PDB file of N, CA and C in Angstrom:
ATOM      1  N   MET A   1      49.897 -16.097  -4.513  1.00  0.00           N
ATOM      2  CA  MET A   1      48.656 -16.160  -5.244  1.00  0.00           C
ATOM      3  C   MET A   1      47.489 -16.693  -4.428  1.00  0.00           C
ATOM      4  N   PRO A   2      47.641 -17.635  -3.559  1.00  0.00           N
ATOM      5  CA  PRO A   2      46.510 -18.125  -2.765  1.00  0.00           C
ATOM      6  C   PRO A   2      45.902 -17.014  -1.883  1.00  0.00           C
ATOM      7  N   ASN A   3      46.771 -16.125  -1.366  1.00  0.00           N
ATOM      8  CA  ASN A   3      46.278 -15.017  -0.559  1.00  0.00           C
ATOM      9  C   ASN A   3      45.419 -14.063  -1.347  1.00  0.00           C
ATOM     10  N   ASP A   4      45.814 -13.860  -2.643  1.00  0.00           N
ATOM     11  CA  ASP A   4      44.974 -12.972  -3.498  1.00  0.00           C
ATOM     12  C   ASP A   4      43.648 -13.553  -3.728  1.00  0.00           C
ATOM     13  N   THR A   5      43.545 -14.851  -3.963  1.00  0.00           N
ATOM     14  CA  THR A   5      42.317 -15.460  -4.211  1.00  0.00           C
ATOM     15  C   THR A   5      41.376 -15.462  -2.987  1.00  0.00           C
ATOM     16  N   SER A   6      41.905 -15.777  -1.841  1.00  0.00           N
ATOM     17  CA  SER A   6      41.134 -15.751  -0.677  1.00  0.00           C
ATOM     18  C   SER A   6      40.692 -14.334  -0.280  1.00  0.00           C
ATOM     19  N   ALA A   7      41.463 -13.302  -0.547  1.00  0.00           N
ATOM     20  CA  ALA A   7      41.073 -11.913  -0.302  1.00  0.00           C
ATOM     21  C   ALA A   7      39.948 -11.551  -1.210  1.00  0.00           C
ATOM     22  N   ALA A   8      40.044 -11.974  -2.494  1.00  0.00           N
ATOM     23  CA  ALA A   8      38.927 -11.698  -3.500  1.00  0.00           C
ATOM     24  C   ALA A   8      37.668 -12.335  -3.116  1.00  0.00           C
ATOM     25  N   VAL A   9      37.737 -13.599  -2.665  1.00  0.00           N
ATOM     26  CA  VAL A   9      36.531 -14.333  -2.282  1.00  0.00           C
ATOM     27  C   VAL A   9      35.924 -13.693  -1.009  1.00  0.00           C
ATOM     28  N   ALA A  10      36.765 -13.221  -0.131  1.00  0.00           N
ATOM     29  CA  ALA A  10      36.270 -12.589   1.154  1.00  0.00           C
ATOM     30  C   ALA A  10      35.558 -11.253   0.702  1.00  0.00           C
ATOM     31  N   ALA A  11      36.209 -10.536  -0.191  1.00  0.00           N
ATOM     32  CA  ALA A  11      35.597  -9.226  -0.575  1.00  0.00           C
ATOM     33  C   ALA A  11      34.283  -9.500  -1.299  1.00  0.00           C
ATOM     34  N   LEU A  12      34.179 -10.506  -2.184  1.00  0.00           N
ATOM     35  CA  LEU A  12      33.054 -10.807  -2.865  1.00  0.00           C
ATOM     36  C   LEU A  12      31.914 -11.272  -1.925  1.00  0.00           C
ATOM     37  N   GLY A  13      32.267 -12.002  -0.947  1.00  0.00           N
ATOM     38  CA  GLY A  13      31.318 -12.426   0.072  1.00  0.00           C
ATOM     39  C   GLY A  13      30.720 -11.249   0.845  1.00  0.00           C
ATOM     40  N   THR A  14      31.605 -10.361   1.195  1.00  0.00           N
ATOM     41  CA  THR A  14      31.125  -9.150   1.975  1.00  0.00           C
ATOM     42  C   THR A  14      30.209  -8.378   1.143  1.00  0.00           C
ATOM     43  N   VAL A  15      30.594  -8.136  -0.132  1.00  0.00           N
ATOM     44  CA  VAL A  15      29.727  -7.344  -1.036  1.00  0.00           C
ATOM     45  C   VAL A  15      28.398  -8.047  -1.220  1.00  0.00           C
ATOM     46  N   SER A  16      28.356  -9.373  -1.414  1.00  0.00           N
ATOM     47  CA  SER A  16      27.155 -10.134  -1.558  1.00  0.00           C
ATOM     48  C   SER A  16      26.259 -10.056  -0.307  1.00  0.00           C
ATOM     49  N   LEU A  17      26.855 -10.126   0.858  1.00  0.00           N
ATOM     50  CA  LEU A  17      26.133 -10.038   2.083  1.00  0.00           C
ATOM     51  C   LEU A  17      25.452  -8.628   2.207  1.00  0.00           C
ATOM     52  N   ILE A  18      26.192  -7.645   1.952  1.00  0.00           N
ATOM     53  CA  ILE A  18      25.629  -6.274   1.994  1.00  0.00           C
ATOM     54  C   ILE A  18      24.526  -6.052   0.984  1.00  0.00           C
ATOM     55  N   ALA A  19      24.726  -6.535  -0.229  1.00  0.00           N
ATOM     56  CA  ALA A  19      23.708  -6.400  -1.268  1.00  0.00           C
ATOM     57  C   ALA A  19      22.443  -7.230  -0.894  1.00  0.00           C
ATOM     58  N   GLY A  20      22.614  -8.374  -0.321  1.00  0.00           N
ATOM     59  CA  GLY A  20      21.530  -9.162   0.134  1.00  0.00           C
ATOM     60  C   GLY A  20      20.700  -8.564   1.211  1.00  0.00           C
ATOM     61  N   LEU A  21      21.407  -7.922   2.192  1.00  0.00           N
ATOM     62  CA  LEU A  21      20.695  -7.164   3.270  1.00  0.00           C
ATOM     63  C   LEU A  21      19.986  -5.956   2.777  1.00  0.00           C
ATOM     64  N   ILE A  22      20.578  -5.270   1.846  1.00  0.00           N
ATOM     65  CA  ILE A  22      19.862  -4.073   1.197  1.00  0.00           C
ATOM     66  C   ILE A  22      18.593  -4.537   0.489  1.00  0.00           C
ATOM     67  N   GLY A  23      18.767  -5.635  -0.279  1.00  0.00           N
ATOM     68  CA  GLY A  23      17.624  -6.158  -1.069  1.00  0.00           C
ATOM     69  C   GLY A  23      16.547  -6.643  -0.114  1.00  0.00           C
ATOM     70  N   LEU A  24      16.878  -7.312   0.939  1.00  0.00           N
ATOM     71  CA  LEU A  24      15.894  -7.744   1.975  1.00  0.00           C
ATOM     72  C   LEU A  24      15.166  -6.582   2.657  1.00  0.00           C
ATOM     73  N   ALA A  25      15.967  -5.567   2.928  1.00  0.00           N
ATOM     74  CA  ALA A  25      15.340  -4.329   3.574  1.00  0.00           C
ATOM     75  C   ALA A  25      14.402  -3.653   2.587  1.00  0.00           C
ATOM     76  N   SER A  26      14.759  -3.585   1.336  1.00  0.00           N
ATOM     77  CA  SER A  26      13.858  -2.927   0.354  1.00  0.00           C
ATOM     78  C   SER A  26      12.567  -3.734   0.136  1.00  0.00           C
ATOM     79  N   ILE A  27      12.640  -5.060   0.206  1.00  0.00           N
ATOM     80  CA  ILE A  27      11.468  -5.891   0.048  1.00  0.00           C
ATOM     81  C   ILE A  27      10.516  -5.649   1.254  1.00  0.00           C
ATOM     82  N   VAL A  28      11.073  -5.688   2.462  1.00  0.00           N
ATOM     83  CA  VAL A  28      10.282  -5.468   3.626  1.00  0.00           C
ATOM     84  C   VAL A  28       9.674  -4.016   3.620  1.00  0.00           C
ATOM     85  N   PHE A  29      10.472  -3.022   3.173  1.00  0.00           N
ATOM     86  CA  PHE A  29       9.964  -1.702   3.155  1.00  0.00           C
ATOM     87  C   PHE A  29       8.840  -1.552   2.164  1.00  0.00           C
ATOM     88  N   SER A  30       8.953  -2.216   1.062  1.00  0.00           N
ATOM     89  CA  SER A  30       7.871  -2.154   0.010  1.00  0.00           C
ATOM     90  C   SER A  30       6.597  -2.876   0.541  1.00  0.00           C
ATOM     91  N   ILE A  31       6.782  -3.918   1.261  1.00  0.00           N
ATOM     92  CA  ILE A  31       5.578  -4.621   1.791  1.00  0.00           C
ATOM     93  C   ILE A  31       4.887  -3.688   2.819  1.00  0.00           C
ATOM     94  N   ILE A  32       5.618  -3.011   3.639  1.00  0.00           N
ATOM     95  CA  ILE A  32       5.069  -2.070   4.632  1.00  0.00           C
ATOM     96  C   ILE A  32       4.322  -0.927   3.905  1.00  0.00           C
ATOM     97  N   ILE A  33       4.908  -0.390   2.821  1.00  0.00           N
ATOM     98  CA  ILE A  33       4.339   0.656   2.096  1.00  0.00           C
ATOM     99  C   ILE A  33       2.985   0.240   1.437  1.00  0.00           C
ATOM    100  N   PHE A  34       3.001  -0.943   0.740  1.00  0.00           N
ATOM    101  CA  PHE A  34       1.766  -1.446   0.197  1.00  0.00           C
ATOM    102  C   PHE A  34       0.735  -1.851   1.216  1.00  0.00           C
ATOM    103  N   TRP A  35       1.182  -2.285   2.381  1.00  0.00           N
ATOM    104  CA  TRP A  35       0.186  -2.649   3.471  1.00  0.00           C
ATOM    105  C   TRP A  35      -0.533  -1.382   3.878  1.00  0.00           C
ATOM    106  N   LYS A  36       0.135  -0.284   4.003  1.00  0.00           N
ATOM    107  CA  LYS A  36      -0.523   1.014   4.339  1.00  0.00           C
ATOM    108  C   LYS A  36      -1.489   1.464   3.209  1.00  0.00           C
ATOM    109  N   ILE A  37      -1.059   1.320   2.006  1.00  0.00           N
ATOM    110  CA  ILE A  37      -1.926   1.778   0.845  1.00  0.00           C
ATOM    111  C   ILE A  37      -3.169   0.912   0.797  1.00  0.00           C
ATOM    112  N   PHE A  38      -3.043  -0.403   0.919  1.00  0.00           N
ATOM    113  CA  PHE A  38      -4.239  -1.257   0.887  1.00  0.00           C
ATOM    114  C   PHE A  38      -5.170  -0.973   2.062  1.00  0.00           C
ATOM    115  N   SER A  39      -4.569  -0.706   3.253  1.00  0.00           N
ATOM    116  CA  SER A  39      -5.368  -0.437   4.386  1.00  0.00           C
ATOM    117  C   SER A  39      -6.100   0.849   4.290  1.00  0.00           C
ATOM    118  N   LYS A  40      -5.434   1.883   3.741  1.00  0.00           N
ATOM    119  CA  LYS A  40      -6.121   3.158   3.614  1.00  0.00           C
ATOM    120  C   LYS A  40      -7.208   3.167   2.501  1.00  0.00           C
ATOM    121  N   ALA A  41      -7.041   2.208   1.541  1.00  0.00           N
ATOM    122  CA  ALA A  41      -8.030   2.095   0.476  1.00  0.00           C
ATOM    123  C   ALA A  41      -9.271   1.304   0.975  1.00  0.00           C
ATOM    124  N   GLY A  42      -9.121   0.645   2.085  1.00  0.00           N
ATOM    125  CA  GLY A  42     -10.222  -0.136   2.626  1.00  0.00           C
ATOM    126  C   GLY A  42     -10.135  -1.613   2.386  1.00  0.00           C
ATOM    127  N   TYR A  43      -9.059  -2.046   1.785  1.00  0.00           N
ATOM    128  CA  TYR A  43      -8.793  -3.480   1.576  1.00  0.00           C
ATOM    129  C   TYR A  43      -8.000  -3.978   2.770  1.00  0.00           C
ATOM    130  N   SER A  44      -7.892  -5.295   2.827  1.00  0.00           N
ATOM    131  CA  SER A  44      -6.976  -5.945   3.824  1.00  0.00           C
ATOM    132  C   SER A  44      -5.534  -5.610   3.523  1.00  0.00           C
ATOM    133  N   GLY A  45      -4.810  -5.352   4.542  1.00  0.00           N
ATOM    134  CA  GLY A  45      -3.391  -5.043   4.346  1.00  0.00           C
ATOM    135  C   GLY A  45      -2.658  -6.258   3.905  1.00  0.00           C
ATOM    136  N   ALA A  46      -3.108  -7.462   4.201  1.00  0.00           N
ATOM    137  CA  ALA A  46      -2.404  -8.677   3.771  1.00  0.00           C
ATOM    138  C   ALA A  46      -2.358  -8.837   2.288  1.00  0.00           C
ATOM    139  N   LEU A  47      -3.132  -8.044   1.523  1.00  0.00           N
ATOM    140  CA  LEU A  47      -3.050  -8.133   0.087  1.00  0.00           C
ATOM    141  C   LEU A  47      -1.732  -7.600  -0.386  1.00  0.00           C
ATOM    142  N   SER A  48      -0.980  -6.870   0.426  1.00  0.00           N
ATOM    143  CA  SER A  48       0.321  -6.393   0.029  1.00  0.00           C
ATOM    144  C   SER A  48       1.306  -7.498  -0.200  1.00  0.00           C
ATOM    145  N   LEU A  49       1.040  -8.649   0.323  1.00  0.00           N
ATOM    146  CA  LEU A  49       1.965  -9.866   0.083  1.00  0.00           C
ATOM    147  C   LEU A  49       1.816 -10.310  -1.340  1.00  0.00           C
ATOM    148  N   LEU A  50       0.674 -10.042  -1.975  1.00  0.00           N
ATOM    149  CA  LEU A  50       0.494 -10.368  -3.345  1.00  0.00           C
ATOM    150  C   LEU A  50       1.426  -9.573  -4.318  1.00  0.00           C
ATOM    151  N   MET A  51       1.983  -8.457  -3.751  1.00  0.00           N
ATOM    152  CA  MET A  51       2.930  -7.651  -4.621  1.00  0.00           C
ATOM    153  C   MET A  51       4.226  -8.397  -4.821  1.00  0.00           C
ATOM    154  N   LEU A  52       4.438  -9.491  -4.100  1.00  0.00           N
ATOM    155  CA  LEU A  52       5.618 -10.330  -4.330  1.00  0.00           C
ATOM    156  C   LEU A  52       5.431 -11.361  -5.462  1.00  0.00           C
ATOM    157  N   VAL A  53       4.246 -11.596  -5.798  1.00  0.00           N
ATOM    158  CA  VAL A  53       3.828 -12.582  -6.788  1.00  0.00           C
ATOM    159  C   VAL A  53       3.891 -11.890  -8.238  1.00  0.00           C
ATOM    160  N   PRO A  54       4.651 -12.388  -9.167  1.00  0.00           N
ATOM    161  CA  PRO A  54       4.809 -11.641 -10.409  1.00  0.00           C
ATOM    162  C   PRO A  54       3.582 -11.194 -11.190  1.00  0.00           C
ATOM    163  N   ILE A  55       2.603 -12.018 -11.443  1.00  0.00           N
ATOM    164  CA  ILE A  55       1.448 -11.614 -12.211  1.00  0.00           C
ATOM    165  C   ILE A  55       0.406 -10.964 -11.284  1.00  0.00           C
ATOM    166  N   ALA A  56       0.314 -11.442 -10.133  1.00  0.00           N
ATOM    167  CA  ALA A  56      -0.707 -10.934  -9.131  1.00  0.00           C
ATOM    168  C   ALA A  56      -0.395  -9.480  -8.777  1.00  0.00           C
ATOM    169  N   ASN A  57       0.828  -9.033  -8.805  1.00  0.00           N
ATOM    170  CA  ASN A  57       1.117  -7.592  -8.485  1.00  0.00           C
ATOM    171  C   ASN A  57       0.597  -6.721  -9.576  1.00  0.00           C
ATOM    172  N   LEU A  58       0.599  -7.075 -10.852  1.00  0.00           N
ATOM    173  CA  LEU A  58       0.047  -6.279 -11.833  1.00  0.00           C
ATOM    174  C   LEU A  58      -1.469  -6.213 -11.768  1.00  0.00           C
ATOM    175  N   ILE A  59      -2.029  -7.303 -11.451  1.00  0.00           N
ATOM    176  CA  ILE A  59      -3.516  -7.383 -11.261  1.00  0.00           C
ATOM    177  C   ILE A  59      -3.931  -6.512 -10.065  1.00  0.00           C
ATOM    178  N   MET A  60      -3.206  -6.541  -9.012  1.00  0.00           N
ATOM    179  CA  MET A  60      -3.585  -5.718  -7.803  1.00  0.00           C
ATOM    180  C   MET A  60      -3.335  -4.212  -8.021  1.00  0.00           C
ATOM    181  N   LEU A  61      -2.333  -3.892  -8.794  1.00  0.00           N
ATOM    182  CA  LEU A  61      -2.123  -2.500  -9.183  1.00  0.00           C
ATOM    183  C   LEU A  61      -3.240  -1.940 -10.042  1.00  0.00           C
ATOM    184  N   CYS A  62      -3.775  -2.832 -10.946  1.00  0.00           N
ATOM    185  CA  CYS A  62      -4.889  -2.486 -11.716  1.00  0.00           C
ATOM    186  C   CYS A  62      -6.180  -2.290 -10.897  1.00  0.00           C
ATOM    187  N   VAL A  63      -6.355  -3.207  -9.890  1.00  0.00           N
ATOM    188  CA  VAL A  63      -7.486  -3.049  -8.986  1.00  0.00           C
ATOM    189  C   VAL A  63      -7.410  -1.757  -8.263  1.00  0.00           C
ATOM    190  N   LEU A  64      -6.195  -1.385  -7.733  1.00  0.00           N
ATOM    191  CA  LEU A  64      -6.047  -0.141  -7.048  1.00  0.00           C
ATOM    192  C   LEU A  64      -6.282   1.057  -7.937  1.00  0.00           C
ATOM    193  N   ALA A  65      -5.824   0.954  -9.157  1.00  0.00           N
ATOM    194  CA  ALA A  65      -5.876   2.120 -10.062  1.00  0.00           C
ATOM    195  C   ALA A  65      -7.302   2.336 -10.607  1.00  0.00           C
ATOM    196  N   PHE A  66      -7.927   1.247 -10.968  1.00  0.00           N
ATOM    197  CA  PHE A  66      -9.227   1.436 -11.769  1.00  0.00           C
ATOM    198  C   PHE A  66     -10.462   0.966 -10.995  1.00  0.00           C
ATOM    199  N   GLY A  67     -10.324   0.211  -9.920  1.00  0.00           N
ATOM    200  CA  GLY A  67     -11.419  -0.206  -9.158  1.00  0.00           C
ATOM    201  C   GLY A  67     -11.975   0.825  -8.164  1.00  0.00           C
ATOM    202  N   GLU A  68     -13.213   0.605  -7.764  1.00  0.00           N
ATOM    203  CA  GLU A  68     -13.798   1.453  -6.713  1.00  0.00           C
ATOM    204  C   GLU A  68     -13.368   0.982  -5.348  1.00  0.00           C
ATOM    205  N   TRP A  69     -12.708   1.830  -4.561  1.00  0.00           N
ATOM    206  CA  TRP A  69     -12.158   1.361  -3.320  1.00  0.00           C
ATOM    207  C   TRP A  69     -13.373   1.207  -2.299  1.00  0.00           C
ATOM    208  N   PRO A  70     -13.217   0.263  -1.431  1.00  0.00           N
ATOM    209  CA  PRO A  70     -14.357   0.082  -0.375  1.00  0.00           C
ATOM    210  C   PRO A  70     -14.524   1.254   0.471  1.00  0.00           C
ATOM    211  N   ILE A  71     -13.487   2.021   0.740  1.00  0.00           N
ATOM    212  CA  ILE A  71     -13.641   3.245   1.545  1.00  0.00           C
ATOM    213  C   ILE A  71     -14.529   4.276   0.866  1.00  0.00           C
ATOM    214  N   TYR A  72     -14.390   4.412  -0.478  1.00  0.00           N
ATOM    215  CA  TYR A  72     -15.161   5.309  -1.214  1.00  0.00           C
ATOM    216  C   TYR A  72     -16.623   4.810  -1.373  1.00  0.00           C
ATOM    217  N   ARG A  73     -16.788   3.505  -1.488  1.00  0.00           N
ATOM    218  CA  ARG A  73     -18.147   2.907  -1.552  1.00  0.00           C
ATOM    219  C   ARG A  73     -18.836   3.209  -0.286  1.00  0.00           C
ATOM    220  N   GLU A  74     -18.181   3.074   0.876  1.00  0.00           N
ATOM    221  CA  GLU A  74     -18.838   3.365   2.177  1.00  0.00           C
ATOM    222  C   GLU A  74     -19.109   4.836   2.325  1.00  0.00           C
ATOM    223  N   LEU A  75     -18.186   5.708   1.861  1.00  0.00           N
ATOM    224  CA  LEU A  75     -18.428   7.120   1.934  1.00  0.00           C
ATOM    225  C   LEU A  75     -19.590   7.578   1.083  1.00  0.00           C
ATOM    226  N   ASN A  76     -19.721   7.002  -0.136  1.00  0.00           N
ATOM    227  CA  ASN A  76     -20.824   7.389  -0.961  1.00  0.00           C
ATOM    228  C   ASN A  76     -22.118   6.919  -0.337  1.00  0.00           C
ATOM    229  N   TYR A  77     -22.151   5.693   0.237  1.00  0.00           N
ATOM    230  CA  TYR A  77     -23.342   5.243   0.892  1.00  0.00           C
ATOM    231  C   TYR A  77     -23.748   6.168   2.093  1.00  0.00           C
ATOM    232  N   LEU A  78     -22.792   6.604   2.906  1.00  0.00           N
ATOM    233  CA  LEU A  78     -23.056   7.437   4.007  1.00  0.00           C
ATOM    234  C   LEU A  78     -23.584   8.797   3.577  1.00  0.00           C
ATOM    235  N   ARG A  79     -22.956   9.326   2.461  1.00  0.00           N
ATOM    236  CA  ARG A  79     -23.483  10.646   1.938  1.00  0.00           C
ATOM    237  C   ARG A  79     -24.908  10.498   1.401  1.00  0.00           C
ATOM    238  N   GLN A  80     -25.194   9.438   0.749  1.00  0.00           N
ATOM    239  CA  GLN A  80     -26.554   9.314   0.291  1.00  0.00           C
ATOM    240  C   GLN A  80     -27.556   9.127   1.420  1.00  0.00           C
ATOM    241  N   THR A  81     -27.312   8.400   2.484  1.00  0.00           N
ATOM    242  CA  THR A  81     -28.215   8.184   3.571  1.00  0.00           C
ATOM    243  C   THR A  81     -28.262   9.441   4.394  1.00  0.00           C
ATOM    244  N   ALA A  82     -27.203  10.236   4.528  1.00  0.00           N
ATOM    245  CA  ALA A  82     -27.239  11.470   5.306  1.00  0.00           C
ATOM    246  C   ALA A  82     -28.012  12.500   4.597  1.00  0.00           C
ATOM    247  N   GLY A  83     -27.920  12.544   3.256  1.00  0.00           N
ATOM    248  CA  GLY A  83     -28.695  13.473   2.490  1.00  0.00           C
ATOM    249  C   GLY A  83     -30.136  13.305   2.577  1.00  0.00           C
ATOM    250  N   ALA A  84     -30.629  12.094   2.688  1.00  0.00           N
ATOM    251  CA  ALA A  84     -32.026  11.788   2.893  1.00  0.00           C
ATOM    252  C   ALA A  84     -32.561  12.172   4.200  1.00  0.00           C
ATOM    253  N   ARG A  85     -31.711  12.200   5.221  1.00  0.00           N
ATOM    254  CA  ARG A  85     -32.125  12.501   6.612  1.00  0.00           C
ATOM    255  C   ARG A  85     -31.925  13.960   6.948  1.00  0.00           C
ATOM    256  N   GLY A  86     -31.269  14.706   6.120  1.00  0.00           N
ATOM    257  CA  GLY A  86     -30.985  16.060   6.446  1.00  0.00           C
ATOM    258  C   GLY A  86     -29.682  16.260   7.127  1.00  0.00           C
ATOM    259  N   PRO A  87     -29.388  17.476   7.630  1.00  0.00           N
ATOM    260  CA  PRO A  87     -28.147  17.701   8.305  1.00  0.00           C
ATOM    261  C   PRO A  87     -28.083  17.029   9.653  1.00  0.00           C
ATOM    262  N   GLN A  88     -26.955  16.464   9.934  1.00  0.00           N
ATOM    263  CA  GLN A  88     -26.795  15.652  11.225  1.00  0.00           C
ATOM    264  C   GLN A  88     -26.235  16.532  12.374  1.00  0.00           C
ATOM    265  N   ASN A  89     -25.522  17.559  12.073  1.00  0.00           N
ATOM    266  CA  ASN A  89     -24.890  18.334  13.089  1.00  0.00           C
ATOM    267  C   ASN A  89     -25.505  19.780  13.117  1.00  0.00           C
ATOM    268  N   PRO A  90     -26.294  20.059  14.129  1.00  0.00           N
ATOM    269  CA  PRO A  90     -26.957  21.402  14.111  1.00  0.00           C
ATOM    270  C   PRO A  90     -25.983  22.556  14.338  1.00  0.00           C
ATOM    271  N   ALA A  91     -24.739  22.273  14.802  1.00  0.00           N
ATOM    272  CA  ALA A  91     -23.735  23.325  15.022  1.00  0.00           C
ATOM    273  C   ALA A  91     -23.331  23.898  13.684  1.00  0.00           C
ATOM    274  N   TYR A  92     -23.445  23.101  12.608  1.00  0.00           N
ATOM    275  CA  TYR A  92     -23.068  23.615  11.290  1.00  0.00           C
ATOM    276  C   TYR A  92     -24.374  23.692  10.430  1.00  0.00           C
ATOM    277  N   PRO A  93     -25.096  24.782  10.498  1.00  0.00           N
ATOM    278  CA  PRO A  93     -26.342  24.880   9.703  1.00  0.00           C
ATOM    279  C   PRO A  93     -26.006  24.960   8.280  1.00  0.00           C
ATOM    280  N   GLN A  94     -27.022  24.450   7.491  1.00  0.00           N
ATOM    281  CA  GLN A  94     -26.832  24.515   6.091  1.00  0.00           C
ATOM    282  C   GLN A  94     -27.055  25.942   5.585  1.00  0.00           C
ATOM    283  N   SER A  95     -26.379  26.233   4.536  1.00  0.00           N
ATOM    284  CA  SER A  95     -26.551  27.624   3.980  1.00  0.00           C
ATOM    285  C   SER A  95     -27.910  27.655   3.242  1.00  0.00           C
ATOM    286  N   PRO A  96     -28.479  28.813   3.190  1.00  0.00           N
ATOM    287  CA  PRO A  96     -29.850  28.921   2.582  1.00  0.00           C
ATOM    288  C   PRO A  96     -29.896  28.431   1.172  1.00  0.00           C
ATOM    289  N   GLN A  97     -28.841  28.539   0.397  1.00  0.00           N
ATOM    290  CA  GLN A  97     -28.908  28.107  -0.995  1.00  0.00           C
ATOM    291  C   GLN A  97     -29.051  26.633  -1.190  1.00  0.00           C
ATOM    292  N   TYR A  98     -28.755  25.887  -0.163  1.00  0.00           N
ATOM    293  CA  TYR A  98     -28.851  24.389  -0.212  1.00  0.00           C
ATOM    294  C   TYR A  98     -30.067  23.928   0.469  1.00  0.00           C
ATOM    295  N   ARG A  99     -30.933  24.679   0.983  1.00  0.00           N
ATOM    296  CA  ARG A  99     -32.106  24.147   1.691  1.00  0.00           C
ATOM    297  C   ARG A  99     -33.227  23.817   0.711  1.00  0.00           C
TER     298      ARG A  99
END
């Protein structure tokens, strides 16, 4: 009987170790994914660490979903200032209907 118990404990320890490593790998992978998403949106990638905080992750998802991203704010600004100055690249002339 003692051998059966030690074998069961060893098996449980191995399964726990494997599950822990898989869990840790999935957490690291999700941080990397959210780091890329925040960076492409124009926010600091370090905000991805907030996805580990229970209430903050919901707030940050709402900011990503419903807020205006800094990258779009900059793009709209550049479009507005470029429109006032005219076309910037003479290699691509404007079509007559937009002049």
